[in-house]
Amino acid sequence: MPNLRWGDKRSYDFVFQGIPKHQVCSVGTYGQIADKEKRILFEAGLEIALEKVRPKKVLVYGTMPDDIFGPYKRNIKFIRYPSWQEIFAKEAC
């Protein structure tokens, strides 16, 4: 399963090549959206990734804030999986 990953806008031209369109893909938010600068890069890259790959479904590892993913929920099904930190935090309680 393709994992959508990118750097900044310089990587957009090549990082999504070879990923079939209209497939199931994954993306991870863990470690990508807590920091303001990383969050900006994540949001911008997610928009480009979804535009270029046009996945029918995206598996999301980590948190899935509605202000980032909400605009895309009409056209793409997102399935969230908790990060290891979330799982262990629940077990510790």
N, C-alpha and C. Protein backbone atom coordinates (compact mmCIF):
# COMPACT_ATOMS: atom_id res chain seq x y z
N MET A 1 0.84 -1.17 0.00
CA MET A 1 0.00 0.00 0.00
C MET A 1 0.89 1.24 0.00
N PRO A 2 0.64 2.17 -0.90
CA PRO A 2 1.46 3.38 -0.95
C PRO A 2 1.26 4.25 0.30
N ASN A 3 2.35 4.77 0.80
CA ASN A 3 2.32 5.70 1.92
C ASN A 3 2.64 7.08 1.37
N LEU A 4 1.72 8.00 1.53
CA LEU A 4 1.91 9.35 1.02
C LEU A 4 2.86 10.12 1.93
N ARG A 5 4.01 10.49 1.40
CA ARG A 5 5.02 11.25 2.14
C ARG A 5 5.61 12.29 1.21
N TRP A 6 5.97 13.42 1.77
CA TRP A 6 6.54 14.51 0.98
C TRP A 6 7.41 15.35 1.89
N GLY A 7 8.16 16.23 1.28
CA GLY A 7 8.97 17.18 2.02
C GLY A 7 8.28 18.53 1.95
N ASP A 8 8.87 19.45 1.23
CA ASP A 8 8.22 20.72 0.97
C ASP A 8 7.83 20.76 -0.50
N LYS A 9 7.45 21.92 -1.01
CA LYS A 9 6.93 21.99 -2.37
C LYS A 9 7.93 21.55 -3.44
N ARG A 10 9.20 21.54 -3.10
CA ARG A 10 10.20 21.08 -4.08
C ARG A 10 10.05 19.60 -4.39
N SER A 11 9.44 18.83 -3.49
CA SER A 11 9.31 17.39 -3.69
C SER A 11 8.02 16.99 -4.41
N TYR A 12 7.08 17.90 -4.57
CA TYR A 12 5.78 17.55 -5.12
C TYR A 12 5.84 16.97 -6.53
N ASP A 13 6.80 17.39 -7.32
CA ASP A 13 6.86 16.92 -8.70
C ASP A 13 7.23 15.45 -8.84
N PHE A 14 7.90 14.90 -7.84
CA PHE A 14 8.36 13.52 -8.01
C PHE A 14 7.86 12.53 -6.95
N VAL A 15 7.47 12.97 -5.76
CA VAL A 15 7.16 12.00 -4.71
C VAL A 15 5.89 11.19 -4.95
N PHE A 16 5.00 11.66 -5.78
CA PHE A 16 3.75 10.94 -6.01
C PHE A 16 3.75 10.16 -7.32
N GLN A 17 4.85 10.24 -8.06
CA GLN A 17 4.96 9.48 -9.30
C GLN A 17 4.99 7.99 -8.97
N GLY A 18 4.32 7.22 -9.76
CA GLY A 18 4.33 5.78 -9.55
C GLY A 18 3.26 5.29 -8.59
N ILE A 19 2.55 6.20 -7.94
CA ILE A 19 1.45 5.79 -7.07
C ILE A 19 0.19 5.74 -7.93
N PRO A 20 -0.43 4.58 -8.03
CA PRO A 20 -1.64 4.47 -8.86
C PRO A 20 -2.76 5.35 -8.31
N LYS A 21 -3.53 5.93 -9.20
CA LYS A 21 -4.66 6.76 -8.79
C LYS A 21 -5.83 5.88 -8.38
N HIS A 22 -6.68 6.46 -7.55
CA HIS A 22 -7.93 5.84 -7.11
C HIS A 22 -7.72 4.55 -6.33
N GLN A 23 -6.64 4.48 -5.57
CA GLN A 23 -6.34 3.31 -4.75
C GLN A 23 -6.47 3.66 -3.27
N VAL A 24 -6.23 2.69 -2.42
CA VAL A 24 -6.14 2.93 -0.99
C VAL A 24 -4.70 3.33 -0.69
N CYS A 25 -4.54 4.41 0.06
CA CYS A 25 -3.22 4.90 0.45
C CYS A 25 -3.20 5.12 1.95
N SER A 26 -2.04 5.39 2.48
CA SER A 26 -1.93 5.72 3.89
C SER A 26 -1.13 7.00 4.05
N VAL A 27 -1.32 7.63 5.20
CA VAL A 27 -0.56 8.83 5.55
C VAL A 27 -0.45 8.87 7.07
N GLY A 28 0.65 9.37 7.56
CA GLY A 28 0.85 9.46 9.00
C GLY A 28 0.94 10.90 9.45
N THR A 29 0.19 11.23 10.50
CA THR A 29 0.26 12.57 11.06
C THR A 29 1.17 12.61 12.29
N TYR A 30 1.50 11.44 12.82
CA TYR A 30 2.30 11.36 14.03
C TYR A 30 3.65 12.08 13.81
N GLY A 31 3.92 13.08 14.62
CA GLY A 31 5.16 13.83 14.51
C GLY A 31 5.15 14.87 13.40
N GLN A 32 4.02 15.06 12.76
CA GLN A 32 3.96 15.97 11.61
C GLN A 32 3.09 17.21 11.84
N ILE A 33 2.23 17.20 12.84
CA ILE A 33 1.30 18.32 12.93
C ILE A 33 1.33 19.06 14.27
N ALA A 34 2.10 18.61 15.22
CA ALA A 34 2.17 19.31 16.51
C ALA A 34 2.99 20.60 16.39
N ASP A 35 4.05 20.56 15.62
CA ASP A 35 4.90 21.71 15.39
C ASP A 35 4.26 22.59 14.31
N LYS A 36 4.20 23.90 14.53
CA LYS A 36 3.53 24.82 13.61
C LYS A 36 4.09 24.75 12.18
N GLU A 37 5.41 24.77 12.06
CA GLU A 37 6.02 24.74 10.73
C GLU A 37 5.76 23.42 10.01
N LYS A 38 5.89 22.31 10.75
CA LYS A 38 5.62 21.00 10.15
C LYS A 38 4.15 20.87 9.75
N ARG A 39 3.28 21.43 10.56
CA ARG A 39 1.84 21.37 10.26
C ARG A 39 1.53 22.09 8.95
N ILE A 40 2.14 23.26 8.76
CA ILE A 40 1.93 24.01 7.52
C ILE A 40 2.39 23.19 6.32
N LEU A 41 3.56 22.56 6.44
CA LEU A 41 4.07 21.71 5.36
C LEU A 41 3.16 20.51 5.13
N PHE A 42 2.65 19.92 6.22
CA PHE A 42 1.77 18.77 6.11
C PHE A 42 0.48 19.14 5.38
N GLU A 43 -0.14 20.23 5.80
CA GLU A 43 -1.40 20.65 5.19
C GLU A 43 -1.24 20.93 3.70
N ALA A 44 -0.18 21.65 3.35
CA ALA A 44 0.06 21.97 1.94
C ALA A 44 0.32 20.70 1.13
N GLY A 45 1.13 19.81 1.67
CA GLY A 45 1.46 18.57 0.97
C GLY A 45 0.28 17.63 0.86
N LEU A 46 -0.57 17.60 1.89
CA LEU A 46 -1.74 16.74 1.83
C LEU A 46 -2.67 17.15 0.69
N GLU A 47 -2.85 18.44 0.55
CA GLU A 47 -3.70 18.94 -0.54
C GLU A 47 -3.16 18.49 -1.90
N ILE A 48 -1.87 18.63 -2.10
CA ILE A 48 -1.26 18.22 -3.37
C ILE A 48 -1.33 16.71 -3.55
N ALA A 49 -1.04 15.96 -2.49
CA ALA A 49 -1.09 14.50 -2.56
C ALA A 49 -2.47 14.01 -2.97
N LEU A 50 -3.50 14.55 -2.34
CA LEU A 50 -4.85 14.11 -2.64
C LEU A 50 -5.27 14.52 -4.05
N GLU A 51 -4.79 15.66 -4.50
CA GLU A 51 -5.07 16.12 -5.85
C GLU A 51 -4.40 15.23 -6.90
N LYS A 52 -3.15 14.87 -6.67
CA LYS A 52 -2.39 14.09 -7.65
C LYS A 52 -2.75 12.61 -7.64
N VAL A 53 -2.95 12.04 -6.47
CA VAL A 53 -3.18 10.59 -6.35
C VAL A 53 -4.67 10.26 -6.41
N ARG A 54 -5.51 11.15 -5.97
CA ARG A 54 -6.96 10.95 -5.94
C ARG A 54 -7.36 9.59 -5.34
N PRO A 55 -6.90 9.33 -4.12
CA PRO A 55 -7.21 8.03 -3.51
C PRO A 55 -8.70 7.90 -3.19
N LYS A 56 -9.19 6.67 -3.22
CA LYS A 56 -10.59 6.46 -2.86
C LYS A 56 -10.73 6.32 -1.35
N LYS A 57 -9.62 5.93 -0.70
CA LYS A 57 -9.63 5.73 0.74
C LYS A 57 -8.22 6.02 1.25
N VAL A 58 -8.14 6.66 2.44
CA VAL A 58 -6.85 6.95 3.04
C VAL A 58 -6.86 6.47 4.49
N LEU A 59 -5.90 5.63 4.82
CA LEU A 59 -5.72 5.18 6.20
C LEU A 59 -4.79 6.17 6.88
N VAL A 60 -5.23 6.72 8.00
CA VAL A 60 -4.48 7.77 8.69
C VAL A 60 -3.93 7.24 10.00
N TYR A 61 -2.61 7.28 10.15
CA TYR A 61 -1.95 6.87 11.38
C TYR A 61 -1.71 8.11 12.23
N GLY A 62 -2.36 8.18 13.36
CA GLY A 62 -2.22 9.34 14.24
C GLY A 62 -3.50 10.15 14.28
N THR A 63 -3.40 11.34 14.84
CA THR A 63 -4.59 12.18 14.97
C THR A 63 -5.06 12.66 13.60
N MET A 64 -6.32 13.01 13.56
CA MET A 64 -6.92 13.41 12.29
C MET A 64 -7.79 14.65 12.53
N PRO A 65 -7.15 15.81 12.76
CA PRO A 65 -7.92 17.02 13.04
C PRO A 65 -8.85 17.40 11.90
N ASP A 66 -10.05 17.80 12.26
CA ASP A 66 -11.04 18.15 11.25
C ASP A 66 -10.64 19.39 10.47
N ASP A 67 -9.87 20.29 11.08
CA ASP A 67 -9.48 21.48 10.32
C ASP A 67 -8.49 21.15 9.21
N ILE A 68 -7.84 19.99 9.28
CA ILE A 68 -6.94 19.56 8.21
C ILE A 68 -7.67 18.63 7.23
N PHE A 69 -8.37 17.64 7.76
CA PHE A 69 -8.98 16.60 6.92
C PHE A 69 -10.43 16.89 6.52
N GLY A 70 -11.10 17.75 7.27
CA GLY A 70 -12.50 18.04 7.03
C GLY A 70 -12.86 18.42 5.60
N PRO A 71 -12.08 19.31 4.96
CA PRO A 71 -12.43 19.72 3.60
C PRO A 71 -12.42 18.58 2.57
N TYR A 72 -11.76 17.49 2.89
CA TYR A 72 -11.62 16.39 1.93
C TYR A 72 -12.58 15.24 2.19
N LYS A 73 -13.27 15.26 3.33
CA LYS A 73 -14.11 14.14 3.74
C LYS A 73 -15.31 13.91 2.83
N ARG A 74 -15.69 14.90 2.07
CA ARG A 74 -16.82 14.72 1.15
C ARG A 74 -16.49 13.76 0.02
N ASN A 75 -15.23 13.76 -0.39
CA ASN A 75 -14.84 12.99 -1.58
C ASN A 75 -13.97 11.78 -1.29
N ILE A 76 -13.41 11.72 -0.09
CA ILE A 76 -12.48 10.64 0.25
C ILE A 76 -12.86 10.05 1.59
N LYS A 77 -12.80 8.75 1.68
CA LYS A 77 -13.07 8.09 2.96
C LYS A 77 -11.75 7.98 3.72
N PHE A 78 -11.73 8.48 4.95
CA PHE A 78 -10.56 8.41 5.82
C PHE A 78 -10.86 7.45 6.97
N ILE A 79 -9.90 6.60 7.26
CA ILE A 79 -10.02 5.67 8.38
C ILE A 79 -8.81 5.92 9.28
N ARG A 80 -9.09 6.30 10.52
CA ARG A 80 -8.02 6.67 11.44
C ARG A 80 -7.60 5.51 12.32
N TYR A 81 -6.28 5.39 12.48
CA TYR A 81 -5.69 4.41 13.38
C TYR A 81 -4.89 5.17 14.43
N PRO A 82 -5.09 4.85 15.70
CA PRO A 82 -4.37 5.58 16.75
C PRO A 82 -2.87 5.31 16.71
N SER A 83 -2.11 6.31 17.14
CA SER A 83 -0.66 6.14 17.23
C SER A 83 -0.34 5.24 18.41
N TRP A 84 0.86 4.75 18.48
CA TRP A 84 1.28 3.88 19.58
C TRP A 84 1.17 4.63 20.90
N GLN A 85 1.40 5.93 20.91
CA GLN A 85 1.29 6.72 22.14
C GLN A 85 -0.14 6.72 22.65
N GLU A 86 -1.09 6.88 21.75
CA GLU A 86 -2.50 6.86 22.15
C GLU A 86 -2.88 5.51 22.75
N ILE A 87 -2.42 4.44 22.12
CA ILE A 87 -2.73 3.09 22.59
C ILE A 87 -2.17 2.85 23.98
N PHE A 88 -0.90 3.20 24.17
CA PHE A 88 -0.28 2.96 25.47
C PHE A 88 -0.80 3.90 26.54
N ALA A 89 -1.21 5.09 26.18
CA ALA A 89 -1.79 6.02 27.15
C ALA A 89 -3.11 5.47 27.68
N LYS A 90 -3.91 4.86 26.80
CA LYS A 90 -5.18 4.26 27.22
C LYS A 90 -4.94 3.06 28.12
N GLU A 91 -3.93 2.25 27.80
CA GLU A 91 -3.63 1.06 28.59
C GLU A 91 -3.11 1.42 29.97
N ALA A 92 -2.42 2.55 30.08
CA ALA A 92 -1.84 2.97 31.35
C ALA A 92 -2.90 3.49 32.33
N CYS A 93 -4.04 3.92 31.80
CA CYS A 93 -5.09 4.48 32.67
C CYS A 93 -5.88 3.44 33.38
